[in-house]
Amino acid sequence: MIFQAPLPKRAVGRFNSCVVTLRSSPRWGRRIRRHLTVVTYTGRRSGGTFSTPVAFRRTGDTVTIGVQLPDAKKWWRNFLGEGGPISLELEGTDRTGHAVARRDASGRVTVTVRLDG
């Protein structure tokens, strides 16, 4: 059995900061923003506001986020069951929507966001 230790929070924070910085880069930003966005949500238990960069696919008013290594992350759990409100930065504009997280039989997690009008 292979044991995979979780990444330290500080390393994850640095990585996320680098991704957000690259998104605003004049040289790389436009390319990166096509595939990466920043989601902002309210924690279901803490009530605090959190933001994290994620990869996404968009089809019309639906945004799909495939959560990589879901057992090592907690943000998506805020959207289990009935889901909840979320905002995303898309094409330079903050958009709001309703997100619902689902885990399939193989353990993959997908968060589906229906954008508001």
Protein backbone atom coordinates (compact mmCIF):
# COMPACT_ATOMS: atom_id res chain seq x y z
CA MET A 1 0.00 0.00 0.00
CA ILE A 2 1.33 3.43 -0.96
CA PHE A 3 0.94 6.17 1.62
CA GLN A 4 0.57 9.67 0.26
CA ALA A 5 1.17 12.33 2.88
CA PRO A 6 -1.00 15.46 2.55
CA LEU A 7 0.69 18.62 1.38
CA PRO A 8 1.42 21.15 4.11
CA LYS A 9 -1.05 24.05 4.13
CA ARG A 10 1.75 26.54 3.59
CA ALA A 11 2.85 24.79 0.36
CA VAL A 12 -0.71 24.69 -0.93
CA GLY A 13 -1.14 28.38 -0.07
CA ARG A 14 2.03 29.29 -1.98
CA PHE A 15 0.98 27.26 -4.99
CA ASN A 16 -2.48 28.87 -5.02
CA SER A 17 -0.90 32.34 -4.74
CA CYS A 18 1.32 31.58 -7.74
CA VAL A 19 -1.67 30.43 -9.80
CA VAL A 20 -3.64 33.57 -8.96
CA THR A 21 -0.62 35.72 -9.85
CA LEU A 22 -0.19 33.94 -13.19
CA ARG A 23 -3.88 34.52 -13.98
CA SER A 24 -3.28 38.28 -13.82
CA SER A 25 -0.02 38.14 -15.79
CA PRO A 26 0.00 40.19 -19.00
CA ARG A 27 1.97 37.45 -20.75
CA TRP A 28 0.24 34.27 -19.54
CA GLY A 29 -3.00 35.46 -17.99
CA ARG A 30 -5.32 35.16 -20.96
CA ARG A 31 -4.27 31.56 -21.66
CA ILE A 32 -4.50 30.54 -18.03
CA ARG A 33 -7.89 32.21 -17.44
CA ARG A 34 -9.41 30.01 -20.18
CA HIS A 35 -8.86 26.97 -17.96
CA LEU A 36 -8.46 28.27 -14.39
CA THR A 37 -10.78 30.41 -12.33
CA VAL A 38 -11.04 31.47 -8.72
CA VAL A 39 -14.12 30.30 -6.84
CA THR A 40 -15.34 32.16 -3.76
CA TYR A 41 -17.77 30.62 -1.30
CA THR A 42 -18.95 30.74 2.31
CA GLY A 43 -17.85 27.88 4.56
CA ARG A 44 -20.79 25.82 5.75
CA ARG A 45 -19.46 25.46 9.30
CA SER A 46 -17.25 28.50 9.84
CA GLY A 47 -19.35 31.03 7.93
CA GLY A 48 -16.07 32.50 6.64
CA THR A 49 -15.46 33.52 3.03
CA PHE A 50 -12.86 31.49 1.12
CA SER A 51 -11.36 31.65 -2.36
CA THR A 52 -9.42 28.99 -4.23
CA PRO A 53 -8.21 28.57 -7.82
CA VAL A 54 -9.68 25.63 -9.75
CA ALA A 55 -9.60 24.22 -13.27
CA PHE A 56 -12.94 24.32 -15.06
CA ARG A 57 -14.88 23.65 -18.26
CA ARG A 58 -17.73 25.87 -19.36
CA THR A 59 -20.64 25.05 -21.62
CA GLY A 60 -23.11 27.94 -21.85
CA ASP A 61 -24.36 28.71 -18.34
CA THR A 62 -22.92 25.53 -16.82
CA VAL A 63 -19.43 25.34 -15.34
CA THR A 64 -17.97 21.95 -14.46
CA ILE A 65 -15.11 21.60 -11.98
CA GLY A 66 -13.37 18.25 -11.67
CA VAL A 67 -11.87 18.04 -8.18
CA GLN A 68 -8.42 16.45 -8.31
CA LEU A 69 -7.43 14.46 -5.19
CA PRO A 70 -10.81 15.14 -3.55
CA ASP A 71 -9.95 13.36 -0.28
CA ALA A 72 -7.11 15.83 0.27
CA LYS A 73 -9.41 18.84 -0.22
CA LYS A 74 -12.37 20.09 1.71
CA TRP A 75 -13.77 23.07 -0.20
CA TRP A 76 -16.08 21.01 -2.42
CA ARG A 77 -17.85 19.48 0.58
CA ASN A 78 -19.64 22.81 1.06
CA PHE A 79 -21.70 21.89 -2.00
CA LEU A 80 -22.86 18.36 -1.14
CA GLY A 81 -26.57 17.60 -1.04
CA GLU A 82 -28.60 20.60 -2.15
CA GLY A 83 -25.44 22.58 -2.90
CA GLY A 84 -25.04 26.28 -2.30
CA PRO A 85 -24.11 29.69 -3.68
CA ILE A 86 -20.74 30.27 -5.28
CA SER A 87 -19.05 32.99 -7.30
CA LEU A 88 -16.46 32.58 -10.04
CA GLU A 89 -14.34 34.97 -12.03
CA LEU A 90 -15.09 34.32 -15.71
CA GLU A 91 -13.82 36.47 -18.57
CA GLY A 92 -12.81 39.21 -16.15
CA THR A 93 -16.24 39.37 -14.50
CA ASP A 94 -17.46 37.95 -11.20
CA ARG A 95 -20.38 35.60 -11.84
CA THR A 96 -22.62 34.01 -9.25
CA GLY A 97 -24.31 30.66 -9.39
CA HIS A 98 -25.48 27.58 -7.55
CA ALA A 99 -22.98 24.72 -7.12
CA VAL A 100 -23.70 21.06 -6.40
CA ALA A 101 -20.98 18.47 -5.70
CA ARG A 102 -21.35 14.81 -6.59
CA ARG A 103 -19.06 11.84 -5.98
CA ASP A 104 -19.43 8.97 -8.44
CA ALA A 105 -18.97 5.26 -7.77
CA SER A 106 -15.26 5.42 -8.64
CA GLY A 107 -14.65 8.23 -6.12
CA ARG A 108 -14.32 11.09 -8.62
CA VAL A 109 -15.85 14.37 -7.50
CA THR A 110 -17.44 16.88 -9.84
CA VAL A 111 -18.85 20.26 -8.85
CA THR A 112 -21.46 21.56 -11.30
CA VAL A 113 -22.26 25.26 -11.23
CA ARG A 114 -25.38 26.72 -12.84
CA LEU A 115 -24.63 30.38 -13.44
CA ASP A 116 -27.23 32.99 -12.52
CA GLY A 117 -28.87 35.03 -15.32
